[in-house]
């Protein structure tokens, strides 16, 4: 037990401690240490939050652009989710949880995306914050892209059966309506039409005349016995029938179906019987000058332009011009089918190597392959197989074509000539896709065999861009689908 004197000494010590100002720093230091620890925790968690926010926003922006570029509206949300997840994973970030919503406006032109991520807290958990939620949002306007589109349409004789030519024209015009909408012209939208048989008519103009070789110009200038060149061209050789090489580097020869009216004595017969070989008797044998010309796609057509169908419509802006070109198409029962030539001419219509070459098209077209926000599209249709129409051996084994007759082509049978056309079709398809052009392909009716269907499926840029349409209804559906996809593509940025 303490004495009275000890108690007094203790009381004096306590009063001195109470009144000593030096002791007031202890609680201040303690409080400061707590604040500094909290600040460090906020800084560390804040840095993590900033990183997650940055990754979240970039991933959301990428997802929005992917959705905006989707060709099918139904693919928008799926494409957005795929790109969002891929970018989150690529950043090495694995948030505790993420959530993304995609809202598409009624007119499909505005895409709104919102996303959130929940991240576990570290130092902040000392203050009762176990997790932190970060949010991000973005909007993407699907602005109108430009497009150079060419329709490469089969105009061979088989298209006259079962009203196929009418069905094709109606379906093609519906596609044009889908792309143009209610407008006669649209910003940066140009469309061309290429009818094909086994030859293609580029038109008879000063420009196309200048595409000819010197020998070809001489032939046109002399004008086959007072006739005129309609504009069909021979296929170039040395592989140039598969390229977009401009005519200044690889000139053309004019297409002329020669007169064929000759006979020989058949000595196995008595009394001077003879055989006549002809498929285009248009020169009067009595004087060699009088000509009998029957123009058009009628079976009795005669003359050097026999089998030369409607001419190419190059890239134009007006919907009415395109629809008129489609309406003009008719089946031409001469030559056969050479879809590879239709395809390569479709390419030339939109190739920048042919800029300024086309009469009736702006001299600034076609645009460069890498023109920003522009797409080059070819849609090609056939209702049959590549083949030459058979003829007597004395007539070269086939009708006359852009390759001449099959004997000129270097083959002795229709089947071997077809194999070569198929190979050239495949090569041309690949050359076009390598240039960055998008290709849609359609086989129509029951005639395209398994090999043709496989070739057209392989030619298409994507498997979804190939359509086999065995019936009129399915052809209309195919063109409707392509029209919607092209409309969506023009609304993508």
Protein backbone atom coordinates (compact mmCIF):
# COMPACT_ATOMS: atom_id res chain seq x y z
CA UNK A 1 0.00 0.00 0.00
CA UNK A 2 1.40 3.44 -1.00
CA UNK A 3 2.22 6.04 1.67
CA UNK A 4 0.76 9.54 1.61
CA UNK A 5 4.05 10.92 0.34
CA UNK A 6 4.17 8.38 -2.53
CA UNK A 7 0.63 9.27 -3.49
CA UNK A 8 1.44 12.95 -3.72
CA UNK A 9 4.48 12.25 -5.92
CA UNK A 10 2.35 10.10 -8.28
CA UNK A 11 -0.31 12.81 -8.57
CA UNK A 12 2.32 15.42 -9.42
CA UNK A 13 3.76 13.10 -12.17
CA UNK A 14 0.34 12.55 -13.70
CA UNK A 15 -0.42 16.29 -13.72
CA UNK A 16 2.93 16.97 -15.44
CA UNK A 17 2.19 14.29 -18.08
CA UNK A 18 -1.25 15.80 -18.56
CA UNK A 19 0.07 19.30 -19.06
CA UNK A 20 3.09 18.32 -21.26
CA UNK A 21 2.29 19.33 -24.91
CA UNK A 22 4.94 17.02 -26.34
CA UNK A 23 2.64 14.01 -25.82
CA UNK A 24 -0.02 15.31 -28.34
CA UNK A 25 1.92 13.98 -31.44
CA UNK A 26 1.22 10.35 -30.68
CA UNK A 27 -2.44 10.26 -31.72
CA UNK A 28 -1.66 12.45 -34.77
CA UNK A 29 1.03 10.06 -35.96
CA UNK A 30 -1.27 7.11 -35.40
CA UNK A 31 -4.04 8.76 -37.40
CA UNK A 32 -1.64 9.70 -40.20
CA UNK A 33 -0.37 6.15 -40.55
CA UNK A 34 -3.93 4.92 -40.90
CA UNK A 35 -4.67 7.52 -43.59
CA UNK A 36 -1.51 6.72 -45.52
CA UNK A 37 -2.32 3.01 -45.46
CA UNK A 38 -5.81 3.75 -46.77
CA UNK A 39 -4.44 5.99 -49.52
CA UNK A 40 -2.02 3.30 -50.63
CA UNK A 41 -4.87 0.82 -50.75
CA UNK A 42 -7.00 3.21 -52.80
CA UNK A 43 -4.08 3.84 -55.21
CA UNK A 44 -3.41 0.15 -55.76
CA UNK A 45 -7.07 -0.77 -56.20
CA UNK A 46 -7.58 2.38 -58.27
CA UNK A 47 -4.82 1.37 -60.67
CA UNK A 48 -6.46 -2.04 -61.11
CA UNK A 49 -9.82 -0.37 -61.65
CA UNK A 50 -8.32 1.95 -64.29
CA UNK A 51 -6.79 -1.01 -66.14
CA UNK A 52 -10.04 -2.97 -66.07
CA UNK A 53 -11.95 0.12 -67.21
CA UNK A 54 -9.55 0.61 -70.14
CA UNK A 55 -9.78 -3.03 -71.23
CA UNK A 56 -13.55 -3.01 -70.80
CA UNK A 57 -14.00 0.11 -72.92
CA UNK A 58 -11.70 -1.07 -75.71
CA UNK A 59 -13.35 -4.48 -75.78
CA UNK A 60 -16.78 -2.84 -75.93
CA UNK A 61 -15.73 -0.51 -78.76
CA UNK A 62 -14.39 -3.47 -80.73
CA UNK A 63 -17.60 -5.38 -80.12
CA UNK A 64 -19.65 -2.42 -81.33
CA UNK A 65 -17.67 -2.12 -84.56
CA UNK A 66 -18.03 -5.86 -85.16
CA UNK A 67 -21.79 -5.60 -84.71
CA UNK A 68 -21.92 -2.62 -87.03
CA UNK A 69 -20.11 -4.50 -89.77
CA UNK A 70 -22.32 -7.60 -89.59
CA UNK A 71 -24.01 -8.25 -92.93
CA UNK A 72 -26.98 -9.97 -91.33
CA UNK A 73 -28.91 -8.11 -88.66
CA UNK A 74 -29.41 -11.37 -86.81
CA UNK A 75 -25.61 -11.72 -86.51
CA UNK A 76 -25.04 -8.38 -84.79
CA UNK A 77 -25.41 -9.45 -81.17
CA UNK A 78 -23.52 -12.70 -81.65
CA UNK A 79 -20.63 -10.93 -83.39
CA UNK A 80 -20.51 -8.33 -80.63
CA UNK A 81 -20.36 -10.98 -77.90
CA UNK A 82 -17.66 -12.93 -79.74
CA UNK A 83 -15.40 -9.89 -80.20
CA UNK A 84 -16.00 -8.69 -76.64
CA UNK A 85 -15.00 -12.05 -75.14
CA UNK A 86 -11.97 -12.38 -77.44
CA UNK A 87 -10.61 -8.95 -76.52
CA UNK A 88 -11.16 -9.50 -72.79
CA UNK A 89 -9.24 -12.77 -73.00
CA UNK A 90 -6.47 -11.29 -75.18
CA UNK A 91 -5.82 -8.61 -72.55
CA UNK A 92 -5.13 -11.30 -69.96
CA UNK A 93 -7.97 -10.00 -67.83
CA UNK A 94 -10.29 -12.34 -66.01
CA UNK A 95 -12.76 -10.23 -64.08
CA UNK A 96 -14.82 -11.96 -61.43
CA UNK A 97 -17.81 -11.35 -63.62
CA UNK A 98 -18.68 -9.40 -66.77
CA UNK A 99 -21.96 -8.48 -68.38
CA UNK A 100 -22.72 -6.91 -71.77
CA UNK A 101 -25.99 -5.78 -73.32
CA UNK A 102 -26.57 -4.89 -76.99
CA UNK A 103 -29.51 -2.67 -77.96
CA UNK A 104 -30.28 -2.19 -81.68
CA UNK A 105 -32.54 0.64 -82.83
CA UNK A 106 -35.69 -0.15 -84.79
CA UNK A 107 -34.11 1.07 -88.05
CA UNK A 108 -30.96 -1.01 -87.38
CA UNK A 109 -28.75 2.06 -87.77
CA UNK A 110 -27.75 2.67 -84.12
CA UNK A 111 -26.18 0.07 -81.85
CA UNK A 112 -25.85 0.83 -78.12
CA UNK A 113 -23.64 -1.39 -75.97
CA UNK A 114 -23.22 -1.39 -72.19
CA UNK A 115 -20.87 -3.57 -70.16
CA UNK A 116 -19.82 -4.01 -66.54
CA UNK A 117 -17.11 -5.93 -64.73
CA UNK A 118 -16.90 -6.81 -61.03
CA UNK A 119 -13.38 -6.91 -59.56
CA UNK A 120 -12.45 -8.19 -56.07
CA UNK A 121 -10.94 -5.45 -53.85
CA UNK A 122 -7.65 -5.91 -51.99
CA UNK A 123 -6.68 -3.06 -49.64
CA UNK A 124 -10.12 -1.50 -49.92
CA UNK A 125 -11.56 -4.57 -48.28
CA UNK A 126 -10.03 -3.21 -45.02
CA UNK A 127 -12.64 -0.49 -45.23
CA UNK A 128 -15.55 -2.78 -46.00
CA UNK A 129 -15.37 -2.75 -49.85
CA UNK A 130 -15.10 -6.42 -50.88
CA UNK A 131 -15.63 -5.85 -54.65
CA UNK A 132 -15.72 -2.98 -57.10
CA UNK A 133 -17.99 -2.67 -60.20
CA UNK A 134 -16.70 -0.87 -63.31
CA UNK A 135 -19.00 0.13 -66.20
CA UNK A 136 -18.49 1.21 -69.81
CA UNK A 137 -20.75 2.12 -72.72
CA UNK A 138 -20.49 2.95 -76.41
CA UNK A 139 -22.67 3.74 -79.44
CA UNK A 140 -22.03 2.76 -83.04
CA UNK A 141 -23.83 4.38 -85.96
CA UNK A 142 -24.07 2.10 -88.98
CA UNK A 143 -23.24 4.64 -91.64
CA UNK A 144 -23.72 4.00 -95.33
CA UNK A 145 -20.77 2.39 -97.11
CA UNK A 146 -20.12 2.66 -100.80
CA UNK A 147 -20.43 -0.23 -103.23
CA UNK A 148 -19.52 -1.16 -106.79
CA UNK A 149 -21.83 -4.03 -107.68
CA UNK A 150 -21.98 -5.99 -110.95
CA UNK A 151 -24.58 -8.63 -111.84
CA UNK A 152 -23.18 -11.32 -114.17
CA UNK A 153 -26.21 -13.01 -115.68
CA UNK A 154 -26.57 -16.14 -117.83
CA UNK A 155 -28.21 -15.28 -121.17
CA UNK A 156 -27.71 -18.66 -122.84
CA UNK A 157 -30.40 -20.46 -124.82
CA UNK A 158 -31.40 -22.77 -121.97
CA UNK A 159 -32.73 -19.74 -120.09
CA UNK A 160 -35.73 -19.69 -122.42
CA UNK A 161 -37.10 -22.91 -120.86
CA UNK A 162 -39.65 -22.87 -118.02
CA UNK A 163 -39.72 -19.06 -118.03
CA UNK A 164 -36.30 -19.03 -116.39
CA UNK A 165 -35.18 -15.78 -118.04
CA UNK A 166 -38.29 -13.98 -116.73
CA UNK A 167 -37.81 -15.39 -113.25
CA UNK A 168 -34.17 -14.31 -113.22
CA UNK A 169 -34.97 -10.80 -114.41
CA UNK A 170 -37.67 -10.34 -111.78
CA UNK A 171 -35.42 -11.62 -109.00
CA UNK A 172 -32.49 -9.47 -110.13
CA UNK A 173 -34.66 -6.35 -110.26
CA UNK A 174 -35.89 -7.12 -106.74
CA UNK A 175 -32.26 -7.24 -105.59
CA UNK A 176 -31.66 -3.84 -107.18
CA UNK A 177 -34.71 -2.46 -105.38
CA UNK A 178 -33.38 -3.80 -102.08
CA UNK A 179 -30.02 -2.10 -102.56
CA UNK A 180 -31.40 1.24 -103.79
CA UNK A 181 -34.54 1.40 -101.67
CA UNK A 182 -36.88 4.15 -102.83
CA UNK A 183 -34.03 6.22 -104.29
CA UNK A 184 -33.05 6.60 -107.94
CA UNK A 185 -29.43 7.08 -106.84
CA UNK A 186 -27.57 6.55 -103.57
CA UNK A 187 -24.31 8.00 -102.32
CA UNK A 188 -21.32 6.01 -103.60
CA UNK A 189 -23.48 3.25 -105.12
CA UNK A 190 -22.77 2.10 -108.68
CA UNK A 191 -24.14 -0.99 -110.37
CA UNK A 192 -23.31 -2.74 -113.65
CA UNK A 193 -24.79 -5.66 -115.61
CA UNK A 194 -22.85 -8.26 -117.65
CA UNK A 195 -24.95 -10.63 -119.81
CA UNK A 196 -22.90 -13.58 -121.05
CA UNK A 197 -23.18 -16.56 -123.41
CA UNK A 198 -19.88 -17.95 -124.72
CA UNK A 199 -18.95 -14.39 -125.60
CA UNK A 200 -19.59 -10.98 -124.08
CA UNK A 201 -20.62 -7.77 -125.83
CA UNK A 202 -18.53 -4.84 -124.57
CA UNK A 203 -20.27 -2.43 -126.96
CA UNK A 204 -19.22 -0.72 -130.16
CA UNK A 205 -17.75 2.64 -129.18
CA UNK A 206 -14.59 4.63 -129.72
CA UNK A 207 -13.23 3.32 -126.42
CA UNK A 208 -13.86 -0.33 -127.19
CA UNK A 209 -12.49 0.12 -130.72
CA UNK A 210 -9.26 1.32 -129.10
CA UNK A 211 -9.07 -1.94 -127.15
CA UNK A 212 -8.45 -3.82 -130.41
CA UNK A 213 -5.17 -4.91 -131.90
CA UNK A 214 -4.07 -3.25 -135.12
CA UNK A 215 -5.25 -6.30 -137.06
CA UNK A 216 -8.56 -6.16 -135.23
CA UNK A 217 -9.03 -2.48 -136.08
CA UNK A 218 -8.32 -3.23 -139.72
CA UNK A 219 -10.94 -5.98 -139.67
CA UNK A 220 -13.53 -3.65 -138.16
CA UNK A 221 -12.62 -0.80 -140.52
CA UNK A 222 -13.08 -3.06 -143.53
CA UNK A 223 -16.44 -4.06 -142.08
CA UNK A 224 -17.29 -7.58 -143.15
CA UNK A 225 -18.97 -6.91 -146.49
CA UNK A 226 -20.75 -3.74 -145.44
CA UNK A 227 -21.76 -5.09 -142.04
CA UNK A 228 -20.72 -3.58 -138.73
CA UNK A 229 -19.10 -4.90 -135.58
CA UNK A 230 -21.61 -5.11 -132.73
CA UNK A 231 -19.04 -5.15 -129.91
CA UNK A 232 -18.43 -8.78 -128.93
CA UNK A 233 -14.81 -9.71 -128.34
CA UNK A 234 -12.68 -12.81 -128.70
CA UNK A 235 -11.16 -14.24 -125.51
CA UNK A 236 -7.54 -13.20 -125.06
CA UNK A 237 -4.93 -15.97 -125.01
CA UNK A 238 -1.84 -16.63 -122.85
CA UNK A 239 -3.97 -16.68 -119.69
CA UNK A 240 -5.25 -13.13 -120.18
CA UNK A 241 -8.81 -14.46 -120.34
CA UNK A 242 -8.46 -14.87 -116.55
CA UNK A 243 -7.12 -11.43 -115.63
CA UNK A 244 -8.08 -7.78 -115.28
CA UNK A 245 -5.11 -6.67 -117.37
CA UNK A 246 -6.17 -3.48 -119.18
CA UNK A 247 -6.51 -3.52 -123.00
CA UNK A 248 -3.56 -1.14 -123.35
CA UNK A 249 -1.33 -4.04 -122.20
CA UNK A 250 -3.25 -6.94 -123.77
CA UNK A 251 -5.42 -5.91 -126.75
CA UNK A 252 -8.46 -7.79 -128.03
CA UNK A 253 -9.66 -9.19 -131.34
CA UNK A 254 -13.21 -8.48 -132.55
CA UNK A 255 -15.68 -11.36 -132.59
CA UNK A 256 -16.92 -12.28 -136.07
CA UNK A 257 -18.78 -15.52 -136.82
CA UNK A 258 -17.54 -16.38 -140.27
CA UNK A 259 -19.74 -17.36 -143.20
CA UNK A 260 -20.10 -21.12 -143.44
CA UNK A 261 -21.64 -22.37 -146.65
CA UNK A 262 -19.71 -25.00 -148.48
CA UNK A 263 -20.16 -28.53 -149.78
CA UNK A 264 -18.18 -31.43 -151.04
CA UNK A 265 -19.00 -34.18 -153.50
CA UNK A 266 -19.92 -37.45 -151.90
CA UNK A 267 -18.40 -39.99 -154.28
CA UNK A 268 -20.04 -42.83 -152.43
CA UNK A 269 -23.30 -41.62 -153.88
CA UNK A 270 -24.36 -41.71 -157.48
CA UNK A 271 -25.36 -38.83 -159.70
CA UNK A 272 -23.21 -36.23 -157.95
CA UNK A 273 -24.79 -36.11 -154.53
CA UNK A 274 -23.03 -33.72 -152.17
CA UNK A 275 -23.15 -32.71 -148.53
CA UNK A 276 -23.50 -29.12 -147.33
CA UNK A 277 -21.92 -27.86 -144.12
CA UNK A 278 -23.22 -24.58 -142.82
CA UNK A 279 -24.31 -22.95 -139.58
CA UNK A 280 -24.18 -19.31 -140.65
CA UNK A 281 -24.75 -18.87 -144.38
CA UNK A 282 -24.92 -15.14 -144.83
CA UNK A 283 -22.80 -14.37 -147.93
CA UNK A 284 -24.31 -14.80 -151.39
CA UNK A 285 -22.08 -17.28 -153.14
CA UNK A 286 -22.99 -15.89 -156.55
CA UNK A 287 -21.12 -12.61 -156.23
CA UNK A 288 -19.50 -12.77 -152.78
CA UNK A 289 -20.74 -9.33 -151.85
CA UNK A 290 -24.45 -9.50 -151.25
CA UNK A 291 -25.16 -10.27 -147.60
CA UNK A 292 -28.22 -11.61 -145.87
CA UNK A 293 -28.22 -10.46 -142.26
CA UNK A 294 -30.78 -11.56 -139.69
CA UNK A 295 -30.04 -9.88 -136.37
CA UNK A 296 -31.15 -10.88 -132.90
CA UNK A 297 -31.53 -14.00 -130.82
CA UNK A 298 -33.90 -15.74 -133.22
CA UNK A 299 -32.95 -19.26 -134.29
CA UNK A 300 -32.49 -18.12 -137.88
CA UNK A 301 -30.06 -15.31 -137.06
CA UNK A 302 -27.35 -14.85 -139.69
CA UNK A 303 -24.28 -12.68 -139.96
CA UNK A 304 -20.94 -11.98 -138.32
CA UNK A 305 -22.62 -10.87 -135.09
CA UNK A 306 -24.58 -14.10 -134.72
CA UNK A 307 -24.55 -15.03 -131.00
CA UNK A 308 -23.53 -11.54 -129.87
CA UNK A 309 -26.03 -10.67 -127.14
CA UNK A 310 -26.90 -7.45 -125.28
CA UNK A 311 -23.94 -5.34 -124.32
CA UNK A 312 -22.45 -4.73 -120.91
CA UNK A 313 -23.89 -1.92 -118.81
CA UNK A 314 -20.87 -0.54 -116.94
CA UNK A 315 -21.04 1.05 -113.50
CA UNK A 316 -23.85 3.60 -113.41
CA UNK A 317 -25.57 5.42 -110.58
CA UNK A 318 -29.18 5.31 -111.75
CA UNK A 319 -31.47 2.51 -110.62
CA UNK A 320 -33.70 2.90 -113.69
CA UNK A 321 -30.73 2.34 -116.03
CA UNK A 322 -29.75 -0.85 -114.22
CA UNK A 323 -33.30 -2.21 -114.25
CA UNK A 324 -33.64 -1.41 -117.95
CA UNK A 325 -30.43 -3.35 -118.67
CA UNK A 326 -31.81 -6.33 -116.77
CA UNK A 327 -35.10 -6.15 -118.62
CA UNK A 328 -33.31 -6.13 -121.98
CA UNK A 329 -31.72 -9.55 -121.38
CA UNK A 330 -32.95 -12.46 -123.51
CA UNK A 331 -31.81 -16.06 -124.11
CA UNK A 332 -29.39 -16.48 -127.04
CA UNK A 333 -29.27 -20.01 -128.45
CA UNK A 334 -25.77 -19.90 -129.92
CA UNK A 335 -22.33 -21.00 -128.84
CA UNK A 336 -23.06 -22.59 -125.47
CA UNK A 337 -22.02 -21.40 -122.00
CA UNK A 338 -18.70 -19.93 -120.86
CA UNK A 339 -19.35 -18.58 -117.37
CA UNK A 340 -15.64 -17.96 -116.91
CA UNK A 341 -15.82 -15.20 -119.54
CA UNK A 342 -18.89 -13.66 -117.93
CA UNK A 343 -17.06 -13.68 -114.60
CA UNK A 344 -13.86 -12.11 -115.89
CA UNK A 345 -15.81 -9.36 -117.64
CA UNK A 346 -17.68 -8.72 -114.40
CA UNK A 347 -14.28 -8.27 -112.77
CA UNK A 348 -13.14 -5.84 -115.46
CA UNK A 349 -16.25 -3.73 -114.91
CA UNK A 350 -15.17 -3.06 -111.28
CA UNK A 351 -11.38 -3.29 -111.63
CA UNK A 352 -9.41 -0.06 -111.13
CA UNK A 353 -7.14 -1.25 -113.94
CA UNK A 354 -10.07 -0.45 -116.24
CA UNK A 355 -10.71 3.02 -114.85
CA UNK A 356 -11.92 5.40 -117.55
CA UNK A 357 -12.35 2.60 -120.10
CA UNK A 358 -16.12 2.34 -120.02
CA UNK A 359 -18.45 4.44 -122.17
CA UNK A 360 -21.33 5.77 -120.07
CA UNK A 361 -19.54 5.30 -116.74
CA UNK A 362 -17.81 8.14 -114.81
CA UNK A 363 -14.15 8.46 -115.76
CA UNK A 364 -13.20 8.21 -112.07
CA UNK A 365 -14.56 4.67 -111.88
CA UNK A 366 -13.86 1.97 -110.93
CA UNK A 367 -12.31 3.08 -107.64
CA UNK A 368 -9.18 1.61 -106.08
CA UNK A 369 -9.40 -1.79 -104.44
CA UNK A 370 -8.52 -0.33 -101.02
CA UNK A 371 -10.79 2.72 -101.20
CA UNK A 372 -11.98 3.35 -97.59
CA UNK A 373 -15.55 2.30 -96.84
CA UNK A 374 -16.07 0.89 -100.35
CA UNK A 375 -16.80 -2.69 -101.38
CA UNK A 376 -16.61 -4.41 -104.76
CA UNK A 377 -19.21 -7.14 -105.30
CA UNK A 378 -19.87 -9.64 -108.09
CA UNK A 379 -23.06 -11.71 -108.23
CA UNK A 380 -22.88 -14.44 -110.90
CA UNK A 381 -25.68 -16.81 -111.97
CA UNK A 382 -25.77 -19.82 -114.26
CA UNK A 383 -28.53 -22.27 -115.16
CA UNK A 384 -26.25 -24.85 -116.74
CA UNK A 385 -22.72 -26.14 -117.19
CA UNK A 386 -19.78 -24.73 -119.12
CA UNK A 387 -19.92 -26.24 -122.58
CA UNK A 388 -19.70 -25.67 -126.32
CA UNK A 389 -22.66 -26.56 -128.53
CA UNK A 390 -21.64 -29.52 -130.69
CA UNK A 391 -21.32 -29.24 -134.49
CA UNK A 392 -20.02 -31.36 -137.36
CA UNK A 393 -16.29 -31.92 -137.36
CA UNK A 394 -16.18 -30.10 -140.70
CA UNK A 395 -17.39 -27.02 -138.74
CA UNK A 396 -14.65 -27.35 -136.17
CA UNK A 397 -16.63 -29.56 -133.79
CA UNK A 398 -18.73 -26.82 -132.20
CA UNK A 399 -20.56 -23.55 -132.68
CA UNK A 400 -18.42 -20.47 -132.97
CA UNK A 401 -17.53 -18.83 -129.62
CA UNK A 402 -15.19 -16.23 -128.17
CA UNK A 403 -12.60 -19.04 -128.26
CA UNK A 404 -13.45 -19.91 -131.86
CA UNK A 405 -14.57 -23.49 -132.32
CA UNK A 406 -13.27 -26.31 -130.15
CA UNK A 407 -10.71 -27.17 -132.81
CA UNK A 408 -9.41 -23.59 -132.49
CA UNK A 409 -9.54 -24.00 -128.71
CA UNK A 410 -7.20 -26.98 -129.04
CA UNK A 411 -9.61 -29.80 -128.21
CA UNK A 412 -11.34 -32.54 -130.12
CA UNK A 413 -14.27 -33.26 -127.81
CA UNK A 414 -16.96 -31.23 -126.08
CA UNK A 415 -16.19 -32.85 -122.70
CA UNK A 416 -12.47 -32.03 -122.76
CA UNK A 417 -13.24 -28.46 -123.80
CA UNK A 418 -15.68 -28.20 -120.89
CA UNK A 419 -13.00 -29.38 -118.45
CA UNK A 420 -10.75 -26.58 -119.65
CA UNK A 421 -13.50 -23.97 -119.24
CA UNK A 422 -14.16 -25.26 -115.72
CA UNK A 423 -10.45 -24.95 -114.85
CA UNK A 424 -10.39 -21.38 -116.16
CA UNK A 425 -13.52 -20.56 -114.17
CA UNK A 426 -11.82 -21.81 -110.98
CA UNK A 427 -8.66 -19.83 -111.68
CA UNK A 428 -10.60 -16.65 -112.47
CA UNK A 429 -12.58 -16.96 -109.24
CA UNK A 430 -9.40 -17.21 -107.21
CA UNK A 431 -7.79 -14.26 -108.99
CA UNK A 432 -10.83 -12.11 -108.27
CA UNK A 433 -10.97 -13.06 -104.58
CA UNK A 434 -7.24 -12.45 -104.26
CA UNK A 435 -7.91 -8.89 -105.43
CA UNK A 436 -10.34 -8.40 -102.53
CA UNK A 437 -13.58 -8.59 -104.50
CA UNK A 438 -16.57 -10.26 -102.80
CA UNK A 439 -18.26 -12.95 -104.91
CA UNK A 440 -21.81 -14.31 -104.60
CA UNK A 441 -22.67 -17.33 -106.76
CA UNK A 442 -26.00 -18.87 -107.80
CA UNK A 443 -26.78 -22.10 -109.66
CA UNK A 444 -30.34 -22.10 -110.97
CA UNK A 445 -32.57 -24.97 -112.04
CA UNK A 446 -31.91 -28.68 -112.41
CA UNK A 447 -29.24 -28.50 -115.13
CA UNK A 448 -26.19 -27.44 -113.07
CA UNK A 449 -24.61 -30.77 -112.15
CA UNK A 450 -22.73 -31.68 -108.97
CA UNK A 451 -19.41 -30.49 -110.40
CA UNK A 452 -20.86 -27.11 -111.35
CA UNK A 453 -22.52 -26.68 -107.97
CA UNK A 454 -19.25 -27.53 -106.23
CA UNK A 455 -17.34 -25.07 -108.41
CA UNK A 456 -19.78 -22.25 -107.68
CA UNK A 457 -19.75 -23.04 -103.96
CA UNK A 458 -15.94 -22.89 -103.96
CA UNK A 459 -15.99 -19.67 -105.97
CA UNK A 460 -18.15 -17.81 -103.44
CA UNK A 461 -16.24 -15.69 -100.93
CA UNK A 462 -18.03 -17.44 -98.06
CA UNK A 463 -20.04 -20.64 -97.98
CA UNK A 464 -23.10 -18.56 -97.06
CA UNK A 465 -22.63 -16.58 -100.30
CA UNK A 466 -23.41 -19.59 -102.51
CA UNK A 467 -27.01 -20.43 -103.37
CA UNK A 468 -28.41 -23.39 -105.27
CA UNK A 469 -31.89 -22.49 -106.47
CA UNK A 470 -33.60 -25.45 -108.17
CA UNK A 471 -36.94 -23.64 -108.45
CA UNK A 472 -38.25 -20.18 -109.28
CA UNK A 473 -39.29 -19.61 -105.67
CA UNK A 474 -35.88 -20.58 -104.35
CA UNK A 475 -34.22 -18.24 -106.86
CA UNK A 476 -36.37 -15.37 -105.63
CA UNK A 477 -35.40 -16.29 -102.07
CA UNK A 478 -31.72 -16.34 -103.01
CA UNK A 479 -31.83 -12.89 -104.58
CA UNK A 480 -33.85 -11.56 -101.64
CA UNK A 481 -31.23 -12.86 -99.21
CA UNK A 482 -28.39 -11.35 -101.22
CA UNK A 483 -30.28 -8.06 -101.47
CA UNK A 484 -30.71 -7.91 -97.69
CA UNK A 485 -27.06 -8.76 -97.10
CA UNK A 486 -25.89 -6.11 -99.54
CA UNK A 487 -28.22 -3.54 -97.97
CA UNK A 488 -26.79 -4.36 -94.55
CA UNK A 489 -23.27 -4.14 -95.91
CA UNK A 490 -23.98 -0.66 -97.22
CA UNK A 491 -25.20 0.27 -93.73
CA UNK A 492 -22.04 -1.02 -92.05
CA UNK A 493 -19.04 1.05 -91.09
